[in-house]
Amino acid sequence: MTKSAMGVMAVGFAFLGGCATSGPVEQRGSMIMAPDSVRAFAAGPAVVHAFSMDDGGRVFVVPATTGTDADCVGAAARATSATAVAADRRNVVTVAPGQVACVASNRRGHYELLWHARPAGAPSGIMIAQARR
């Protein structure tokens, strides 16, 4: 291979490497919670979809002080905007900048929550086609 061909390949790989890191980053996670526990699971700004196969969880949003479960534990009892996680349904939570999304379990057994978050204002990846008349 000639030096010019290797140079073109190096520039091409550098260009492609730069493209791969752009765009909003989605976050995904799952957690299995002990009975009667509270945990933080996503930070804002984000739109979060939470899923569970079981009843017994509540999702709420609190100001992020430490960014850990401690933010949620103190606020769980006084969270007035807590929403019950509907079993086997997509539950949508909007988390503003400076806030953290929390989940509280009030089951006798373990509770599992699956979630994914995308940055607020980011495209959802769903394309809608329009037909001209």
N, C-alpha and C. Protein backbone atom coordinates (compact mmCIF):
# COMPACT_ATOMS: atom_id res chain seq x y z
N MET A 1 0.85 -1.17 0.00
CA MET A 1 0.00 0.00 0.00
C MET A 1 0.90 1.24 0.00
N THR A 2 0.49 2.23 -0.73
CA THR A 2 1.30 3.45 -0.80
C THR A 2 1.01 4.35 0.39
N LYS A 3 1.90 5.30 0.60
CA LYS A 3 1.73 6.23 1.71
C LYS A 3 0.47 7.07 1.54
N SER A 4 0.14 7.45 0.30
CA SER A 4 -1.05 8.28 0.09
C SER A 4 -2.32 7.49 0.38
N ALA A 5 -2.35 6.21 0.01
CA ALA A 5 -3.53 5.39 0.29
C ALA A 5 -3.72 5.21 1.79
N MET A 6 -2.61 5.00 2.52
CA MET A 6 -2.71 4.86 3.98
C MET A 6 -3.16 6.16 4.62
N GLY A 7 -2.72 7.29 4.07
CA GLY A 7 -3.14 8.59 4.59
C GLY A 7 -4.63 8.81 4.41
N VAL A 8 -5.16 8.42 3.24
CA VAL A 8 -6.58 8.56 2.97
C VAL A 8 -7.38 7.67 3.93
N MET A 9 -6.90 6.45 4.17
CA MET A 9 -7.59 5.56 5.10
C MET A 9 -7.59 6.12 6.52
N ALA A 10 -6.47 6.69 6.95
CA ALA A 10 -6.38 7.25 8.29
C ALA A 10 -7.35 8.42 8.45
N VAL A 11 -7.43 9.28 7.45
CA VAL A 11 -8.36 10.41 7.51
C VAL A 11 -9.80 9.90 7.53
N GLY A 12 -10.08 8.88 6.73
CA GLY A 12 -11.44 8.31 6.69
C GLY A 12 -11.86 7.73 8.02
N PHE A 13 -10.97 6.96 8.67
CA PHE A 13 -11.30 6.39 9.97
C PHE A 13 -11.45 7.47 11.03
N ALA A 14 -10.64 8.51 10.97
CA ALA A 14 -10.76 9.61 11.92
C ALA A 14 -12.10 10.32 11.75
N PHE A 15 -12.52 10.50 10.50
CA PHE A 15 -13.80 11.14 10.23
C PHE A 15 -14.95 10.29 10.76
N LEU A 16 -14.93 8.99 10.50
CA LEU A 16 -15.99 8.11 10.98
C LEU A 16 -16.01 8.01 12.50
N GLY A 17 -14.87 8.02 13.11
CA GLY A 17 -14.81 7.97 14.57
C GLY A 17 -15.44 9.19 15.21
N GLY A 18 -15.26 10.34 14.60
CA GLY A 18 -15.87 11.57 15.11
C GLY A 18 -17.38 11.54 14.97
N CYS A 19 -17.89 10.94 13.92
CA CYS A 19 -19.33 10.87 13.70
C CYS A 19 -20.01 9.94 14.70
N ALA A 20 -19.33 8.95 15.15
CA ALA A 20 -19.95 7.95 16.01
C ALA A 20 -20.26 8.48 17.40
N THR A 21 -19.63 9.57 17.82
CA THR A 21 -19.82 10.05 19.18
C THR A 21 -20.82 11.19 19.27
N SER A 22 -21.40 11.64 18.16
CA SER A 22 -22.30 12.78 18.23
C SER A 22 -23.73 12.30 18.48
N GLY A 23 -24.58 13.22 18.94
CA GLY A 23 -25.99 12.93 19.15
C GLY A 23 -26.30 12.65 20.61
N PRO A 24 -27.60 12.71 20.94
CA PRO A 24 -27.99 12.46 22.33
C PRO A 24 -27.80 11.00 22.72
N VAL A 25 -27.53 10.80 23.98
CA VAL A 25 -27.25 9.45 24.48
C VAL A 25 -28.44 8.98 25.31
N GLU A 26 -29.00 7.84 24.94
CA GLU A 26 -30.06 7.24 25.73
C GLU A 26 -29.43 6.41 26.85
N GLN A 27 -30.12 6.37 27.96
CA GLN A 27 -29.67 5.57 29.08
C GLN A 27 -30.72 4.51 29.36
N ARG A 28 -30.27 3.32 29.74
CA ARG A 28 -31.18 2.22 30.05
C ARG A 28 -30.74 1.58 31.36
N GLY A 29 -31.69 1.00 32.04
CA GLY A 29 -31.32 0.32 33.27
C GLY A 29 -32.44 -0.55 33.79
N SER A 30 -32.09 -1.35 34.76
CA SER A 30 -33.07 -2.17 35.46
C SER A 30 -32.61 -2.29 36.90
N MET A 31 -33.58 -2.50 37.77
CA MET A 31 -33.24 -2.65 39.18
C MET A 31 -34.22 -3.60 39.84
N ILE A 32 -33.72 -4.37 40.75
CA ILE A 32 -34.56 -5.23 41.59
C ILE A 32 -34.45 -4.67 42.99
N MET A 33 -35.58 -4.25 43.51
CA MET A 33 -35.60 -3.55 44.78
C MET A 33 -36.10 -4.46 45.90
N ALA A 34 -35.54 -4.25 47.07
CA ALA A 34 -35.99 -4.95 48.27
C ALA A 34 -37.37 -4.42 48.66
N PRO A 35 -38.13 -5.17 49.44
CA PRO A 35 -39.45 -4.70 49.88
C PRO A 35 -39.35 -3.36 50.62
N ASP A 36 -40.31 -2.49 50.37
CA ASP A 36 -40.40 -1.18 51.02
C ASP A 36 -39.10 -0.38 50.92
N SER A 37 -38.59 -0.21 49.71
CA SER A 37 -37.36 0.57 49.53
C SER A 37 -37.59 1.70 48.53
N VAL A 38 -36.66 2.64 48.49
CA VAL A 38 -36.73 3.81 47.61
C VAL A 38 -35.38 3.98 46.93
N ARG A 39 -35.41 4.23 45.62
CA ARG A 39 -34.15 4.40 44.88
C ARG A 39 -34.29 5.46 43.80
N ALA A 40 -33.18 6.11 43.48
CA ALA A 40 -33.09 7.03 42.35
C ALA A 40 -32.71 6.23 41.12
N PHE A 41 -33.26 6.63 39.95
CA PHE A 41 -32.89 5.86 38.76
C PHE A 41 -32.60 6.69 37.52
N ALA A 42 -32.91 7.97 37.47
CA ALA A 42 -32.58 8.77 36.29
C ALA A 42 -32.50 10.24 36.68
N ALA A 43 -31.61 10.98 36.01
CA ALA A 43 -31.45 12.41 36.28
C ALA A 43 -31.91 13.21 35.07
N GLY A 44 -32.39 14.41 35.33
CA GLY A 44 -32.90 15.27 34.26
C GLY A 44 -31.84 16.14 33.66
N PRO A 45 -32.12 16.75 32.57
CA PRO A 45 -33.40 16.76 31.87
C PRO A 45 -33.56 15.51 31.02
N ALA A 46 -34.68 14.84 31.17
CA ALA A 46 -34.92 13.60 30.43
C ALA A 46 -36.40 13.27 30.38
N VAL A 47 -36.74 12.46 29.40
CA VAL A 47 -38.05 11.83 29.34
C VAL A 47 -37.79 10.35 29.60
N VAL A 48 -38.44 9.82 30.63
CA VAL A 48 -38.18 8.46 31.08
C VAL A 48 -39.40 7.59 30.84
N HIS A 49 -39.16 6.40 30.32
CA HIS A 49 -40.21 5.37 30.21
C HIS A 49 -39.87 4.29 31.22
N ALA A 50 -40.80 4.02 32.13
CA ALA A 50 -40.60 3.01 33.17
C ALA A 50 -41.58 1.87 32.94
N PHE A 51 -41.10 0.64 33.14
CA PHE A 51 -41.90 -0.56 32.93
C PHE A 51 -41.77 -1.49 34.13
N SER A 52 -42.86 -2.16 34.46
CA SER A 52 -42.81 -3.20 35.48
C SER A 52 -43.89 -4.22 35.17
N MET A 53 -43.62 -5.46 35.49
CA MET A 53 -44.61 -6.52 35.29
C MET A 53 -45.51 -6.66 36.52
N ASP A 54 -45.19 -5.96 37.59
CA ASP A 54 -45.94 -6.09 38.84
C ASP A 54 -46.45 -4.73 39.31
N ASP A 55 -47.53 -4.75 40.06
CA ASP A 55 -48.00 -3.56 40.76
C ASP A 55 -47.17 -3.38 42.02
N GLY A 56 -47.27 -2.21 42.61
CA GLY A 56 -46.61 -2.00 43.89
C GLY A 56 -45.48 -0.99 43.86
N GLY A 57 -45.34 -0.22 42.77
CA GLY A 57 -44.30 0.80 42.70
C GLY A 57 -44.90 2.17 42.45
N ARG A 58 -44.25 3.19 42.96
CA ARG A 58 -44.64 4.59 42.73
C ARG A 58 -43.43 5.33 42.18
N VAL A 59 -43.65 6.17 41.18
CA VAL A 59 -42.58 6.98 40.59
C VAL A 59 -42.85 8.44 40.92
N PHE A 60 -41.80 9.16 41.30
CA PHE A 60 -41.93 10.58 41.60
C PHE A 60 -40.62 11.28 41.28
N VAL A 61 -40.67 12.60 41.22
CA VAL A 61 -39.52 13.42 40.87
C VAL A 61 -39.22 14.37 42.03
N VAL A 62 -37.93 14.50 42.37
CA VAL A 62 -37.52 15.38 43.47
C VAL A 62 -36.31 16.21 43.02
N PRO A 63 -36.04 17.32 43.69
CA PRO A 63 -34.82 18.08 43.38
C PRO A 63 -33.57 17.24 43.68
N ALA A 64 -32.60 17.33 42.80
CA ALA A 64 -31.35 16.58 42.98
C ALA A 64 -30.41 17.38 43.86
N THR A 65 -30.20 16.90 45.06
CA THR A 65 -29.26 17.53 45.98
C THR A 65 -27.92 16.82 45.91
N THR A 66 -27.95 15.51 46.09
CA THR A 66 -26.72 14.72 46.04
C THR A 66 -26.64 13.86 44.77
N GLY A 67 -27.79 13.65 44.11
CA GLY A 67 -27.82 12.80 42.92
C GLY A 67 -27.80 11.32 43.26
N THR A 68 -28.10 10.99 44.51
CA THR A 68 -28.08 9.59 44.96
C THR A 68 -29.46 9.20 45.50
N ASP A 69 -29.54 7.99 46.01
CA ASP A 69 -30.79 7.51 46.61
C ASP A 69 -31.21 8.36 47.80
N ALA A 70 -30.28 9.04 48.44
CA ALA A 70 -30.60 9.87 49.61
C ALA A 70 -31.59 10.98 49.26
N ASP A 71 -31.53 11.50 48.04
CA ASP A 71 -32.49 12.52 47.62
C ASP A 71 -33.92 11.97 47.66
N CYS A 72 -34.07 10.73 47.29
CA CYS A 72 -35.39 10.10 47.20
C CYS A 72 -35.92 9.64 48.55
N VAL A 73 -35.05 9.12 49.40
CA VAL A 73 -35.48 8.54 50.67
C VAL A 73 -36.19 9.58 51.53
N GLY A 74 -35.63 10.75 51.64
CA GLY A 74 -36.25 11.78 52.47
C GLY A 74 -37.54 12.32 51.89
N ALA A 75 -37.68 12.27 50.58
CA ALA A 75 -38.84 12.85 49.92
C ALA A 75 -39.96 11.85 49.65
N ALA A 76 -39.72 10.57 49.87
CA ALA A 76 -40.71 9.55 49.52
C ALA A 76 -42.01 9.73 50.30
N ALA A 77 -41.94 10.04 51.56
CA ALA A 77 -43.13 10.16 52.38
C ALA A 77 -43.95 11.40 52.04
N ARG A 78 -43.28 12.46 51.61
CA ARG A 78 -44.00 13.71 51.34
C ARG A 78 -44.20 13.99 49.85
N ALA A 79 -43.90 13.03 48.98
CA ALA A 79 -44.06 13.21 47.54
C ALA A 79 -45.54 13.23 47.19
N THR A 80 -46.04 14.41 46.85
CA THR A 80 -47.46 14.54 46.53
C THR A 80 -47.76 14.20 45.07
N SER A 81 -46.74 14.23 44.23
CA SER A 81 -46.96 13.96 42.81
C SER A 81 -46.55 12.55 42.42
N ALA A 82 -46.51 11.64 43.37
CA ALA A 82 -46.13 10.26 43.07
C ALA A 82 -47.21 9.60 42.23
N THR A 83 -46.79 8.87 41.21
CA THR A 83 -47.70 8.18 40.32
C THR A 83 -47.47 6.69 40.43
N ALA A 84 -48.54 5.94 40.59
CA ALA A 84 -48.41 4.48 40.66
C ALA A 84 -47.95 3.96 39.30
N VAL A 85 -46.99 3.04 39.33
CA VAL A 85 -46.50 2.42 38.10
C VAL A 85 -47.52 1.36 37.68
N ALA A 86 -48.16 1.59 36.55
CA ALA A 86 -49.14 0.63 36.05
C ALA A 86 -48.41 -0.60 35.53
N ALA A 87 -48.84 -1.77 35.97
CA ALA A 87 -48.18 -3.02 35.57
C ALA A 87 -48.38 -3.26 34.08
N ASP A 88 -47.30 -3.70 33.44
CA ASP A 88 -47.32 -4.08 32.03
C ASP A 88 -47.74 -2.94 31.11
N ARG A 89 -47.37 -1.73 31.47
CA ARG A 89 -47.68 -0.54 30.67
C ARG A 89 -46.46 0.37 30.64
N ARG A 90 -46.40 1.23 29.63
CA ARG A 90 -45.34 2.24 29.57
C ARG A 90 -45.77 3.41 30.43
N ASN A 91 -44.95 3.76 31.40
CA ASN A 91 -45.20 4.88 32.30
C ASN A 91 -44.20 5.98 31.95
N VAL A 92 -44.68 7.15 31.57
CA VAL A 92 -43.82 8.23 31.11
C VAL A 92 -43.65 9.26 32.23
N VAL A 93 -42.39 9.61 32.50
CA VAL A 93 -42.05 10.60 33.52
C VAL A 93 -41.14 11.63 32.89
N THR A 94 -41.46 12.90 33.05
CA THR A 94 -40.59 13.98 32.57
C THR A 94 -39.79 14.51 33.75
N VAL A 95 -38.48 14.52 33.59
CA VAL A 95 -37.58 14.95 34.66
C VAL A 95 -36.90 16.24 34.20
N ALA A 96 -37.12 17.32 34.92
CA ALA A 96 -36.56 18.62 34.57
C ALA A 96 -35.08 18.70 34.97
N PRO A 97 -34.36 19.69 34.43
CA PRO A 97 -32.97 19.87 34.86
C PRO A 97 -32.90 20.11 36.37
N GLY A 98 -31.94 19.50 37.02
CA GLY A 98 -31.78 19.65 38.46
C GLY A 98 -32.69 18.76 39.27
N GLN A 99 -33.34 17.80 38.60
CA GLN A 99 -34.21 16.86 39.31
C GLN A 99 -33.73 15.43 39.08
N VAL A 100 -34.23 14.53 39.92
CA VAL A 100 -33.94 13.11 39.79
C VAL A 100 -35.25 12.34 39.90
N ALA A 101 -35.38 11.29 39.08
CA ALA A 101 -36.56 10.43 39.15
C ALA A 101 -36.32 9.33 40.17
N CYS A 102 -37.35 9.04 40.97
CA CYS A 102 -37.25 8.06 42.04
C CYS A 102 -38.36 7.04 41.91
N VAL A 103 -38.12 5.86 42.44
CA VAL A 103 -39.15 4.83 42.51
C VAL A 103 -39.19 4.31 43.95
N ALA A 104 -40.42 4.14 44.45
CA ALA A 104 -40.62 3.60 45.79
C ALA A 104 -41.42 2.31 45.65
N SER A 105 -40.99 1.28 46.33
CA SER A 105 -41.67 -0.01 46.31
C SER A 105 -42.44 -0.19 47.60
N ASN A 106 -43.70 -0.60 47.48
CA ASN A 106 -44.49 -0.88 48.68
C ASN A 106 -45.04 -2.30 48.62
N ARG A 107 -44.24 -3.20 48.07
CA ARG A 107 -44.62 -4.62 47.97
C ARG A 107 -44.03 -5.41 49.12
N ARG A 108 -44.61 -6.56 49.37
CA ARG A 108 -44.04 -7.47 50.38
C ARG A 108 -42.81 -8.17 49.82
N GLY A 109 -42.82 -8.42 48.51
CA GLY A 109 -41.69 -9.09 47.88
C GLY A 109 -40.83 -8.11 47.10
N HIS A 110 -39.88 -8.63 46.38
CA HIS A 110 -39.00 -7.79 45.57
C HIS A 110 -39.78 -7.17 44.41
N TYR A 111 -39.32 -5.99 43.97
CA TYR A 111 -39.97 -5.24 42.89
C TYR A 111 -38.94 -4.97 41.81
N GLU A 112 -39.29 -5.23 40.56
CA GLU A 112 -38.36 -5.01 39.44
C GLU A 112 -38.88 -3.88 38.57
N LEU A 113 -37.99 -2.95 38.23
CA LEU A 113 -38.31 -1.83 37.36
C LEU A 113 -37.31 -1.80 36.21
N LEU A 114 -37.82 -1.72 34.99
CA LEU A 114 -37.01 -1.52 33.80
C LEU A 114 -37.28 -0.12 33.31
N TRP A 115 -36.25 0.57 32.81
CA TRP A 115 -36.45 1.94 32.36
C TRP A 115 -35.47 2.30 31.26
N HIS A 116 -35.85 3.30 30.49
CA HIS A 116 -34.90 3.93 29.57
C HIS A 116 -35.24 5.42 29.51
N ALA A 117 -34.21 6.21 29.37
CA ALA A 117 -34.36 7.67 29.37
C ALA A 117 -33.64 8.25 28.17
N ARG A 118 -34.24 9.26 27.59
CA ARG A 118 -33.58 10.01 26.52
C ARG A 118 -33.58 11.47 26.94
N PRO A 119 -32.59 12.21 26.50
CA PRO A 119 -32.54 13.63 26.87
C PRO A 119 -33.80 14.35 26.42
N ALA A 120 -34.31 15.23 27.26
CA ALA A 120 -35.51 15.99 26.92
C ALA A 120 -35.25 16.82 25.66
N GLY A 121 -36.19 16.80 24.76
CA GLY A 121 -36.04 17.55 23.51
C GLY A 121 -35.35 16.77 22.41
N ALA A 122 -34.82 15.58 22.72
CA ALA A 122 -34.16 14.76 21.71
C ALA A 122 -35.22 14.03 20.90
N PRO A 123 -34.96 13.79 19.63
CA PRO A 123 -35.93 13.04 18.84
C PRO A 123 -36.08 11.62 19.37
N SER A 124 -37.28 11.08 19.25
CA SER A 124 -37.56 9.76 19.82
C SER A 124 -37.11 8.62 18.94
N GLY A 125 -36.69 8.89 17.71
CA GLY A 125 -36.26 7.83 16.83
C GLY A 125 -37.41 7.25 16.02
N ILE A 126 -38.61 7.76 16.23
CA ILE A 126 -39.76 7.29 15.48
C ILE A 126 -39.98 8.25 14.32
N MET A 127 -40.04 7.68 13.14
CA MET A 127 -40.26 8.51 11.96
C MET A 127 -41.73 8.45 11.57
N ILE A 128 -42.28 9.59 11.20
CA ILE A 128 -43.67 9.65 10.77
C ILE A 128 -43.69 10.04 9.31
N ALA A 129 -44.32 9.25 8.50
CA ALA A 129 -44.40 9.52 7.07
C ALA A 129 -45.69 10.27 6.78
N GLN A 130 -45.58 11.26 5.89
CA GLN A 130 -46.75 11.99 5.46
C GLN A 130 -46.97 11.73 3.98
N ALA A 131 -48.21 11.49 3.62
CA ALA A 131 -48.53 11.27 2.21
C ALA A 131 -49.13 12.55 1.65
N ARG A 132 -48.71 12.89 0.46
CA ARG A 132 -49.29 14.06 -0.21
C ARG A 132 -50.56 13.66 -0.90
N ARG A 133 -51.49 14.56 -0.91
CA ARG A 133 -52.76 14.28 -1.58
C ARG A 133 -52.75 14.79 -2.98
